[in-house]
All heavy atoms as atom14 arrays in JSON, in Angstrom:
{
  "sequence": "VLGTDGMTDWGWRLPFLVAGPLGLIGLYMRIRLEETPAFRAETEAA",
  "atom14_mask": [
    [1, 1, 1, 1, 1, 1, 1, 0, 0, 0, 0, 0, 0, 0],
    [1, 1, 1, 1, 1, 1, 1, 1, 0, 0, 0, 0, 0, 0],
    [1, 1, 1, 1, 0, 0, 0, 0, 0, 0, 0, 0, 0, 0],
    [1, 1, 1, 1, 1, 1, 1, 0, 0, 0, 0, 0, 0, 0],
    [1, 1, 1, 1, 1, 1, 1, 1, 0, 0, 0, 0, 0, 0],
    [1, 1, 1, 1, 0, 0, 0, 0, 0, 0, 0, 0, 0, 0],
    [1, 1, 1, 1, 1, 1, 1, 1, 0, 0, 0, 0, 0, 0],
    [1, 1, 1, 1, 1, 1, 1, 0, 0, 0, 0, 0, 0, 0],
    [1, 1, 1, 1, 1, 1, 1, 1, 0, 0, 0, 0, 0, 0],
    [1, 1, 1, 1, 1, 1, 1, 1, 1, 1, 1, 1, 1, 1],
    [1, 1, 1, 1, 0, 0, 0, 0, 0, 0, 0, 0, 0, 0],
    [1, 1, 1, 1, 1, 1, 1, 1, 1, 1, 1, 1, 1, 1],
    [1, 1, 1, 1, 1, 1, 1, 1, 1, 1, 1, 0, 0, 0],
    [1, 1, 1, 1, 1, 1, 1, 1, 0, 0, 0, 0, 0, 0],
    [1, 1, 1, 1, 1, 1, 1, 0, 0, 0, 0, 0, 0, 0],
    [1, 1, 1, 1, 1, 1, 1, 1, 1, 1, 1, 0, 0, 0],
    [1, 1, 1, 1, 1, 1, 1, 1, 0, 0, 0, 0, 0, 0],
    [1, 1, 1, 1, 1, 1, 1, 0, 0, 0, 0, 0, 0, 0],
    [1, 1, 1, 1, 1, 0, 0, 0, 0, 0, 0, 0, 0, 0],
    [1, 1, 1, 1, 0, 0, 0, 0, 0, 0, 0, 0, 0, 0],
    [1, 1, 1, 1, 1, 1, 1, 0, 0, 0, 0, 0, 0, 0],
    [1, 1, 1, 1, 1, 1, 1, 1, 0, 0, 0, 0, 0, 0],
    [1, 1, 1, 1, 0, 0, 0, 0, 0, 0, 0, 0, 0, 0],
    [1, 1, 1, 1, 1, 1, 1, 1, 0, 0, 0, 0, 0, 0],
    [1, 1, 1, 1, 1, 1, 1, 1, 0, 0, 0, 0, 0, 0],
    [1, 1, 1, 1, 0, 0, 0, 0, 0, 0, 0, 0, 0, 0],
    [1, 1, 1, 1, 1, 1, 1, 1, 0, 0, 0, 0, 0, 0],
    [1, 1, 1, 1, 1, 1, 1, 1, 1, 1, 1, 1, 0, 0],
    [1, 1, 1, 1, 1, 1, 1, 1, 0, 0, 0, 0, 0, 0],
    [1, 1, 1, 1, 1, 1, 1, 1, 1, 1, 1, 0, 0, 0],
    [1, 1, 1, 1, 1, 1, 1, 1, 0, 0, 0, 0, 0, 0],
    [1, 1, 1, 1, 1, 1, 1, 1, 1, 1, 1, 0, 0, 0],
    [1, 1, 1, 1, 1, 1, 1, 1, 0, 0, 0, 0, 0, 0],
    [1, 1, 1, 1, 1, 1, 1, 1, 1, 0, 0, 0, 0, 0],
    [1, 1, 1, 1, 1, 1, 1, 1, 1, 0, 0, 0, 0, 0],
    [1, 1, 1, 1, 1, 1, 1, 0, 0, 0, 0, 0, 0, 0],
    [1, 1, 1, 1, 1, 1, 1, 0, 0, 0, 0, 0, 0, 0],
    [1, 1, 1, 1, 1, 0, 0, 0, 0, 0, 0, 0, 0, 0],
    [1, 1, 1, 1, 1, 1, 1, 1, 1, 1, 1, 0, 0, 0],
    [1, 1, 1, 1, 1, 1, 1, 1, 1, 1, 1, 0, 0, 0],
    [1, 1, 1, 1, 1, 0, 0, 0, 0, 0, 0, 0, 0, 0],
    [1, 1, 1, 1, 1, 1, 1, 1, 1, 0, 0, 0, 0, 0],
    [1, 1, 1, 1, 1, 1, 1, 0, 0, 0, 0, 0, 0, 0],
    [1, 1, 1, 1, 1, 1, 1, 1, 1, 0, 0, 0, 0, 0],
    [1, 1, 1, 1, 1, 0, 0, 0, 0, 0, 0, 0, 0, 0],
    [1, 1, 1, 1, 1, 0, 0, 0, 0, 0, 0, 0, 0, 0]
  ],
  "atom14_positions": [
    [[-50.75, -162.41, 207.28], [-49.48, -162.98, 206.81], [-48.52, -163.25, 207.96], [-47.9, -164.32, 208.06], [-48.82, -162.04, 205.78], [-47.43, -162.55, 205.41], [-49.68, -161.95, 204.52], [0.0, 0.0, 0.0], [0.0, 0.0, 0.0], [0.0, 0.0, 0.0], [0.0, 0.0, 0.0], [0.0, 0.0, 0.0], [0.0, 0.0, 0.0], [0.0, 0.0, 0.0]],
    [[-48.38, -162.26, 208.86], [-47.37, -162.36, 209.93], [-47.9, -162.99, 211.21], [-47.11, -163.47, 212.02], [-46.83, -160.96, 210.25], [-46.16, -160.2, 209.1], [-45.72, -158.81, 209.56], [-44.96, -160.98, 208.56], [0.0, 0.0, 0.0], [0.0, 0.0, 0.0], [0.0, 0.0, 0.0], [0.0, 0.0, 0.0], [0.0, 0.0, 0.0], [0.0, 0.0, 0.0]],
    [[-49.21, -162.96, 211.38], [-49.78, -163.48, 212.61], [-49.67, -162.46, 213.75], [-48.99, -161.44, 213.63], [0.0, 0.0, 0.0], [0.0, 0.0, 0.0], [0.0, 0.0, 0.0], [0.0, 0.0, 0.0], [0.0, 0.0, 0.0], [0.0, 0.0, 0.0], [0.0, 0.0, 0.0], [0.0, 0.0, 0.0], [0.0, 0.0, 0.0], [0.0, 0.0, 0.0]],
    [[-50.32, -162.78, 214.86], [-50.33, -161.84, 216.01], [-48.94, -161.64, 216.56], [-48.54, -160.5, 216.88], [-51.27, -162.39, 217.11], [-52.58, -162.57, 216.57], [-51.33, -161.43, 218.29], [0.0, 0.0, 0.0], [0.0, 0.0, 0.0], [0.0, 0.0, 0.0], [0.0, 0.0, 0.0], [0.0, 0.0, 0.0], [0.0, 0.0, 0.0], [0.0, 0.0, 0.0]],
    [[-48.16, -162.71, 216.69], [-46.82, -162.58, 217.26], [-45.91, -161.76, 216.34], [-45.12, -160.93, 216.82], [-46.21, -163.97, 217.48], [-46.94, -164.75, 218.58], [-47.58, -164.1, 219.44], [-46.87, -165.99, 218.56], [0.0, 0.0, 0.0], [0.0, 0.0, 0.0], [0.0, 0.0, 0.0], [0.0, 0.0, 0.0], [0.0, 0.0, 0.0], [0.0, 0.0, 0.0]],
    [[-46.0, -162.0, 215.02], [-45.17, -161.24, 214.1], [-45.51, -159.76, 214.11], [-44.61, -158.91, 214.04], [0.0, 0.0, 0.0], [0.0, 0.0, 0.0], [0.0, 0.0, 0.0], [0.0, 0.0, 0.0], [0.0, 0.0, 0.0], [0.0, 0.0, 0.0], [0.0, 0.0, 0.0], [0.0, 0.0, 0.0], [0.0, 0.0, 0.0], [0.0, 0.0, 0.0]],
    [[-46.79, -159.42, 214.21], [-47.19, -158.01, 214.28], [-46.68, -157.37, 215.57], [-46.22, -156.22, 215.56], [-48.71, -157.89, 214.19], [-49.28, -158.2, 212.82], [-48.75, -157.02, 211.55], [-49.63, -155.54, 212.09], [0.0, 0.0, 0.0], [0.0, 0.0, 0.0], [0.0, 0.0, 0.0], [0.0, 0.0, 0.0], [0.0, 0.0, 0.0], [0.0, 0.0, 0.0]],
    [[-46.76, -158.1, 216.67], [-46.29, -157.54, 217.95], [-44.78, -157.37, 217.96], [-44.26, -156.39, 218.51], [-46.72, -158.47, 219.1], [-48.14, -158.64, 219.08], [-46.32, -157.88, 220.46], [0.0, 0.0, 0.0], [0.0, 0.0, 0.0], [0.0, 0.0, 0.0], [0.0, 0.0, 0.0], [0.0, 0.0, 0.0], [0.0, 0.0, 0.0], [0.0, 0.0, 0.0]],
    [[-44.05, -158.29, 217.33], [-42.59, -158.22, 217.34], [-42.05, -157.08, 216.49], [-41.24, -156.28, 216.94], [-41.99, -159.55, 216.85], [-42.21, -160.67, 217.87], [-42.45, -160.35, 219.05], [-42.16, -161.84, 217.47], [0.0, 0.0, 0.0], [0.0, 0.0, 0.0], [0.0, 0.0, 0.0], [0.0, 0.0, 0.0], [0.0, 0.0, 0.0], [0.0, 0.0, 0.0]],
    [[-42.48, -157.01, 215.22], [-41.93, -155.98, 214.33], [-42.88, -155.51, 213.23], [-42.72, -154.44, 212.65], [-40.66, -156.52, 213.65], [-40.92, -157.75, 212.81], [-40.96, -159.04, 213.24], [-41.2, -157.8, 211.4], [-41.24, -159.9, 212.19], [-41.38, -159.16, 211.05], [-41.28, -156.83, 210.4], [-41.66, -159.56, 209.75], [-41.55, -157.23, 209.09], [-41.74, -158.58, 208.78]],
    [[-43.91, -156.29, 212.93], [-44.78, -155.95, 211.81], [-45.57, -154.66, 212.0], [-45.98, -154.03, 211.0], [0.0, 0.0, 0.0], [0.0, 0.0, 0.0], [0.0, 0.0, 0.0], [0.0, 0.0, 0.0], [0.0, 0.0, 0.0], [0.0, 0.0, 0.0], [0.0, 0.0, 0.0], [0.0, 0.0, 0.0], [0.0, 0.0, 0.0], [0.0, 0.0, 0.0]],
    [[-45.79, -154.24, 213.25], [-46.56, -153.02, 213.5], [-45.86, -151.78, 212.92], [-46.52, -150.74, 212.68], [-46.78, -152.84, 214.99], [-45.51, -152.64, 215.79], [-44.75, -153.59, 216.36], [-44.86, -151.39, 216.08], [-43.65, -153.04, 216.99], [-43.72, -151.68, 216.83], [-45.15, -150.06, 215.77], [-42.84, -150.7, 217.27], [-44.28, -149.08, 216.22], [-43.15, -149.39, 216.97]],
    [[-44.58, -151.85, 212.7], [-43.83, -150.69, 212.17], [-44.14, -150.4, 210.7], [-44.09, -149.25, 210.26], [-42.32, -150.91, 212.33], [-41.84, -151.09, 213.77], [-40.34, -151.29, 213.82], [-39.88, -151.56, 215.17], [-39.57, -150.61, 216.07], [-39.69, -149.34, 215.74], [-39.16, -150.95, 217.27], [0.0, 0.0, 0.0], [0.0, 0.0, 0.0], [0.0, 0.0, 0.0]],
    [[-44.39, -151.45, 209.93], [-44.48, -151.31, 208.47], [-45.53, -150.32, 208.0], [-45.24, -149.49, 207.12], [-44.73, -152.7, 207.84], [-43.62, -153.74, 208.07], [-44.01, -155.07, 207.42], [-42.31, -153.23, 207.49], [0.0, 0.0, 0.0], [0.0, 0.0, 0.0], [0.0, 0.0, 0.0], [0.0, 0.0, 0.0], [0.0, 0.0, 0.0], [0.0, 0.0, 0.0]],
    [[-46.77, -150.34, 208.53], [-47.77, -149.38, 208.02], [-47.37, -147.92, 208.24], [-47.67, -147.07, 207.4], [-49.04, -149.73, 208.83], [-48.85, -151.14, 209.24], [-47.38, -151.27, 209.49], [0.0, 0.0, 0.0], [0.0, 0.0, 0.0], [0.0, 0.0, 0.0], [0.0, 0.0, 0.0], [0.0, 0.0, 0.0], [0.0, 0.0, 0.0], [0.0, 0.0, 0.0]],
    [[-46.69, -147.64, 209.35], [-46.29, -146.25, 209.61], [-45.18, -145.81, 208.65], [-45.11, -144.61, 208.3], [-45.82, -146.1, 211.06], [-46.91, -146.3, 212.08], [-47.0, -147.48, 212.79], [-47.86, -145.31, 212.29], [-48.02, -147.66, 213.72], [-48.87, -145.5, 213.21], [-48.96, -146.68, 213.93], [0.0, 0.0, 0.0], [0.0, 0.0, 0.0], [0.0, 0.0, 0.0]],
    [[-44.33, -146.72, 208.25], [-43.24, -146.36, 207.34], [-43.76, -146.02, 205.95], [-43.07, -145.31, 205.19], [-42.24, -147.52, 207.25], [-41.54, -147.89, 208.58], [-40.6, -149.06, 208.38], [-40.77, -146.69, 209.13], [0.0, 0.0, 0.0], [0.0, 0.0, 0.0], [0.0, 0.0, 0.0], [0.0, 0.0, 0.0], [0.0, 0.0, 0.0], [0.0, 0.0, 0.0]],
    [[-44.94, -146.5, 205.59], [-45.52, -146.18, 204.3], [-45.87, -144.69, 204.21], [-45.96, -144.12, 203.11], [-46.77, -147.04, 204.05], [-47.48, -146.66, 202.75], [-46.39, -148.51, 204.01], [0.0, 0.0, 0.0], [0.0, 0.0, 0.0], [0.0, 0.0, 0.0], [0.0, 0.0, 0.0], [0.0, 0.0, 0.0], [0.0, 0.0, 0.0], [0.0, 0.0, 0.0]],
    [[-46.05, -144.03, 205.37], [-46.45, -142.61, 205.37], [-45.39, -141.71, 204.75], [-45.72, -140.64, 204.24], [-46.72, -142.16, 206.81], [0.0, 0.0, 0.0], [0.0, 0.0, 0.0], [0.0, 0.0, 0.0], [0.0, 0.0, 0.0], [0.0, 0.0, 0.0], [0.0, 0.0, 0.0], [0.0, 0.0, 0.0], [0.0, 0.0, 0.0], [0.0, 0.0, 0.0]],
    [[-44.13, -142.11, 204.77], [-43.06, -141.3, 204.21], [-43.25, -141.03, 202.73], [-43.34, -139.87, 202.3], [0.0, 0.0, 0.0], [0.0, 0.0, 0.0], [0.0, 0.0, 0.0], [0.0, 0.0, 0.0], [0.0, 0.0, 0.0], [0.0, 0.0, 0.0], [0.0, 0.0, 0.0], [0.0, 0.0, 0.0], [0.0, 0.0, 0.0], [0.0, 0.0, 0.0]],
    [[-43.31, -142.07, 201.89], [-43.53, -141.85, 200.45], [-44.84, -141.13, 200.16], [-44.9, -140.27, 199.26], [-43.54, -143.27, 199.88], [-42.75, -144.07, 200.85], [-43.03, -143.47, 202.19], [0.0, 0.0, 0.0], [0.0, 0.0, 0.0], [0.0, 0.0, 0.0], [0.0, 0.0, 0.0], [0.0, 0.0, 0.0], [0.0, 0.0, 0.0], [0.0, 0.0, 0.0]],
    [[-45.91, -141.47, 200.89], [-47.2, -140.78, 200.68], [-47.06, -139.28, 200.95], [-47.61, -138.45, 200.22], [-48.28, -141.37, 201.59], [-48.89, -142.71, 201.18], [-49.9, -143.16, 202.23], [-49.56, -142.6, 199.81], [0.0, 0.0, 0.0], [0.0, 0.0, 0.0], [0.0, 0.0, 0.0], [0.0, 0.0, 0.0], [0.0, 0.0, 0.0], [0.0, 0.0, 0.0]],
    [[-46.34, -138.95, 202.0], [-46.16, -137.53, 202.35], [-45.4, -136.77, 201.29], [-45.71, -135.61, 200.98], [0.0, 0.0, 0.0], [0.0, 0.0, 0.0], [0.0, 0.0, 0.0], [0.0, 0.0, 0.0], [0.0, 0.0, 0.0], [0.0, 0.0, 0.0], [0.0, 0.0, 0.0], [0.0, 0.0, 0.0], [0.0, 0.0, 0.0], [0.0, 0.0, 0.0]],
    [[-44.38, -137.39, 200.7], [-43.6, -136.72, 199.65], [-44.47, -136.45, 198.42], [-44.39, -135.37, 197.82], [-42.4, -137.59, 199.26], [-41.28, -137.68, 200.31], [-40.21, -138.65, 199.84], [-40.69, -136.32, 200.59], [0.0, 0.0, 0.0], [0.0, 0.0, 0.0], [0.0, 0.0, 0.0], [0.0, 0.0, 0.0], [0.0, 0.0, 0.0], [0.0, 0.0, 0.0]],
    [[-45.32, -137.41, 198.07], [-46.21, -137.22, 196.91], [-47.19, -136.08, 197.2], [-47.42, -135.19, 196.35], [-46.97, -138.51, 196.6], [-45.98, -139.61, 196.17], [-48.02, -138.28, 195.51], [-46.63, -140.98, 196.05], [0.0, 0.0, 0.0], [0.0, 0.0, 0.0], [0.0, 0.0, 0.0], [0.0, 0.0, 0.0], [0.0, 0.0, 0.0], [0.0, 0.0, 0.0]],
    [[-47.78, -136.11, 198.39], [-48.73, -135.05, 198.74], [-48.09, -133.68, 198.81], [-48.69, -132.69, 198.36], [0.0, 0.0, 0.0], [0.0, 0.0, 0.0], [0.0, 0.0, 0.0], [0.0, 0.0, 0.0], [0.0, 0.0, 0.0], [0.0, 0.0, 0.0], [0.0, 0.0, 0.0], [0.0, 0.0, 0.0], [0.0, 0.0, 0.0], [0.0, 0.0, 0.0]],
    [[-46.89, -133.6, 199.34], [-46.19, -132.31, 199.43], [-45.88, -131.76, 198.04], [-46.07, -130.56, 197.77], [-44.91, -132.46, 200.23], [-44.06, -131.2, 200.39], [-44.83, -130.12, 201.15], [-42.75, -131.53, 201.12], [0.0, 0.0, 0.0], [0.0, 0.0, 0.0], [0.0, 0.0, 0.0], [0.0, 0.0, 0.0], [0.0, 0.0, 0.0], [0.0, 0.0, 0.0]],
    [[-45.44, -132.61, 197.14], [-45.16, -132.19, 195.76], [-46.39, -131.6, 195.11], [-46.34, -130.56, 194.45], [-44.62, -133.38, 194.96], [-44.5, -133.09, 193.49], [-43.48, -132.3, 193.0], [-45.43, -133.61, 192.57], [-43.36, -132.03, 191.63], [-45.33, -133.35, 191.22], [-44.29, -132.57, 190.76], [-44.19, -132.29, 189.41], [0.0, 0.0, 0.0], [0.0, 0.0, 0.0]],
    [[-47.53, -132.24, 195.3], [-48.76, -131.77, 194.68], [-49.22, -130.45, 195.29], [-49.69, -129.56, 194.58], [-49.85, -132.83, 194.81], [-49.57, -134.11, 194.05], [-50.96, -135.24, 194.08], [-52.16, -134.28, 193.18], [0.0, 0.0, 0.0], [0.0, 0.0, 0.0], [0.0, 0.0, 0.0], [0.0, 0.0, 0.0], [0.0, 0.0, 0.0], [0.0, 0.0, 0.0]],
    [[-49.07, -130.29, 196.58], [-49.54, -129.06, 197.21], [-48.64, -127.87, 196.92], [-49.11, -126.74, 196.86], [-49.65, -129.28, 198.73], [-50.82, -130.18, 199.08], [-51.16, -130.17, 200.55], [-52.41, -130.89, 200.79], [-52.96, -131.05, 201.96], [-52.39, -130.53, 203.03], [-54.09, -131.71, 202.1], [0.0, 0.0, 0.0], [0.0, 0.0, 0.0], [0.0, 0.0, 0.0]],
    [[-47.36, -128.1, 196.75], [-46.46, -127.01, 196.4], [-46.81, -126.42, 195.04], [-46.66, -125.23, 194.8], [-44.99, -127.49, 196.44], [-44.56, -127.71, 197.9], [-44.07, -126.49, 195.77], [-43.17, -128.28, 198.04], [0.0, 0.0, 0.0], [0.0, 0.0, 0.0], [0.0, 0.0, 0.0], [0.0, 0.0, 0.0], [0.0, 0.0, 0.0], [0.0, 0.0, 0.0]],
    [[-47.31, -127.27, 194.13], [-47.64, -126.83, 192.77], [-48.98, -126.11, 192.68], [-49.34, -125.61, 191.62], [-47.65, -128.04, 191.84], [-46.3, -128.71, 191.67], [-46.37, -129.93, 190.79], [-46.75, -129.58, 189.43], [-47.84, -130.04, 188.81], [-48.65, -130.86, 189.45], [-48.1, -129.7, 187.56], [0.0, 0.0, 0.0], [0.0, 0.0, 0.0], [0.0, 0.0, 0.0]],
    [[-49.75, -126.07, 193.76], [-51.07, -125.45, 193.72], [-51.0, -123.93, 193.7], [-50.05, -123.32, 194.22], [-51.89, -125.89, 194.95], [-52.34, -127.34, 195.01], [-53.05, -127.61, 196.33], [-53.24, -127.68, 193.83], [0.0, 0.0, 0.0], [0.0, 0.0, 0.0], [0.0, 0.0, 0.0], [0.0, 0.0, 0.0], [0.0, 0.0, 0.0], [0.0, 0.0, 0.0]],
    [[-52.01, -123.32, 193.11], [-52.19, -121.87, 193.15], [-53.09, -121.5, 194.33], [-53.79, -122.34, 194.88], [-52.83, -121.38, 191.83], [-52.01, -121.66, 190.59], [-50.76, -120.81, 190.51], [-50.75, -119.73, 191.14], [-49.8, -121.22, 189.84], [0.0, 0.0, 0.0], [0.0, 0.0, 0.0], [0.0, 0.0, 0.0], [0.0, 0.0, 0.0], [0.0, 0.0, 0.0]],
    [[-53.05, -120.22, 194.7], [-53.95, -119.77, 195.75], [-55.38, -119.72, 195.21], [-55.59, -119.59, 194.01], [-53.5, -118.39, 196.25], [-54.12, -117.94, 197.55], [-54.03, -119.01, 198.63], [-52.97, -119.14, 199.24], [-55.04, -119.69, 198.84], [0.0, 0.0, 0.0], [0.0, 0.0, 0.0], [0.0, 0.0, 0.0], [0.0, 0.0, 0.0], [0.0, 0.0, 0.0]],
    [[-56.37, -119.83, 196.1], [-57.77, -119.88, 195.66], [-58.22, -118.52, 195.11], [-57.75, -117.48, 195.56], [-58.7, -120.29, 196.8], [-58.73, -119.24, 197.78], [-58.23, -121.56, 197.47], [0.0, 0.0, 0.0], [0.0, 0.0, 0.0], [0.0, 0.0, 0.0], [0.0, 0.0, 0.0], [0.0, 0.0, 0.0], [0.0, 0.0, 0.0], [0.0, 0.0, 0.0]],
    [[-59.15, -118.52, 194.14], [-59.67, -117.24, 193.62], [-60.3, -116.38, 194.69], [-60.16, -115.15, 194.68], [-60.7, -117.7, 192.57], [-60.32, -119.08, 192.2], [-59.73, -119.68, 193.43], [0.0, 0.0, 0.0], [0.0, 0.0, 0.0], [0.0, 0.0, 0.0], [0.0, 0.0, 0.0], [0.0, 0.0, 0.0], [0.0, 0.0, 0.0], [0.0, 0.0, 0.0]],
    [[-61.03, -116.99, 195.63], [-61.69, -116.22, 196.68], [-60.68, -115.53, 197.57], [-60.86, -114.36, 197.94], [-62.6, -117.13, 197.51], [0.0, 0.0, 0.0], [0.0, 0.0, 0.0], [0.0, 0.0, 0.0], [0.0, 0.0, 0.0], [0.0, 0.0, 0.0], [0.0, 0.0, 0.0], [0.0, 0.0, 0.0], [0.0, 0.0, 0.0], [0.0, 0.0, 0.0]],
    [[-59.58, -116.22, 197.91], [-58.57, -115.58, 198.77], [-57.86, -114.47, 198.03], [-57.56, -113.42, 198.61], [-57.56, -116.63, 199.25], [-56.51, -116.06, 200.16], [-56.77, -115.82, 201.49], [-55.24, -115.74, 199.65], [-55.79, -115.28, 202.33], [-54.26, -115.22, 200.48], [-54.55, -114.99, 201.82], [0.0, 0.0, 0.0], [0.0, 0.0, 0.0], [0.0, 0.0, 0.0]],
    [[-57.57, -114.68, 196.74], [-56.9, -113.63, 195.96], [-57.78, -112.38, 195.9], [-57.29, -111.26, 196.04], [-56.58, -114.14, 194.55], [-55.52, -115.21, 194.51], [-54.94, -115.38, 193.11], [-55.94, -115.79, 192.15], [-56.17, -117.04, 191.79], [-55.47, -118.02, 192.34], [-57.07, -117.33, 190.88], [0.0, 0.0, 0.0], [0.0, 0.0, 0.0], [0.0, 0.0, 0.0]],
    [[-59.08, -112.58, 195.66], [-60.01, -111.45, 195.58], [-60.12, -110.73, 196.93], [-60.14, -109.5, 196.99], [-61.38, -111.92, 195.12], [0.0, 0.0, 0.0], [0.0, 0.0, 0.0], [0.0, 0.0, 0.0], [0.0, 0.0, 0.0], [0.0, 0.0, 0.0], [0.0, 0.0, 0.0], [0.0, 0.0, 0.0], [0.0, 0.0, 0.0], [0.0, 0.0, 0.0]],
    [[-60.15, -111.5, 198.02], [-60.26, -110.89, 199.34], [-58.98, -110.13, 199.69], [-59.03, -109.06, 200.3], [-60.48, -111.98, 200.39], [-60.52, -111.5, 201.82], [-61.62, -110.52, 202.1], [-62.66, -110.58, 201.43], [-61.43, -109.65, 202.98], [0.0, 0.0, 0.0], [0.0, 0.0, 0.0], [0.0, 0.0, 0.0], [0.0, 0.0, 0.0], [0.0, 0.0, 0.0]],
    [[-57.82, -110.65, 199.28], [-56.54, -109.96, 199.54], [-56.51, -108.62, 198.81], [-56.08, -107.61, 199.36], [-55.36, -110.85, 199.1], [-55.42, -112.09, 199.8], [-54.04, -110.16, 199.38], [0.0, 0.0, 0.0], [0.0, 0.0, 0.0], [0.0, 0.0, 0.0], [0.0, 0.0, 0.0], [0.0, 0.0, 0.0], [0.0, 0.0, 0.0], [0.0, 0.0, 0.0]],
    [[-56.94, -108.63, 197.55], [-56.96, -107.37, 196.79], [-57.92, -106.37, 197.41], [-57.66, -105.17, 197.49], [-57.34, -107.66, 195.34], [-56.3, -108.46, 194.59], [-56.78, -108.87, 193.21], [-57.91, -108.48, 192.84], [-56.04, -109.58, 192.49], [0.0, 0.0, 0.0], [0.0, 0.0, 0.0], [0.0, 0.0, 0.0], [0.0, 0.0, 0.0], [0.0, 0.0, 0.0]],
    [[-59.08, -106.86, 197.86], [-60.07, -105.97, 198.48], [-59.54, -105.42, 199.8], [-59.77, -104.23, 200.13], [-61.37, -106.73, 198.72], [0.0, 0.0, 0.0], [0.0, 0.0, 0.0], [0.0, 0.0, 0.0], [0.0, 0.0, 0.0], [0.0, 0.0, 0.0], [0.0, 0.0, 0.0], [0.0, 0.0, 0.0], [0.0, 0.0, 0.0], [0.0, 0.0, 0.0]],
    [[-58.82, -106.24, 200.57], [-58.26, -105.78, 201.85], [-57.21, -104.69, 201.62], [-57.12, -103.72, 202.36], [-57.65, -106.94, 202.61], [0.0, 0.0, 0.0], [0.0, 0.0, 0.0], [0.0, 0.0, 0.0], [0.0, 0.0, 0.0], [0.0, 0.0, 0.0], [0.0, 0.0, 0.0], [0.0, 0.0, 0.0], [0.0, 0.0, 0.0], [0.0, 0.0, 0.0]]
  ]
}
């Protein structure tokens, strides 16, 4: 869409900026996770 010159001027920034929303979604999902059964069992055994 932008061509080589457009990517070199400013278009290269756009793909990296997409990481922000993706990171928020991933963080939300990981915060809601429980600890694994194997780790819980190992912690109790320790």
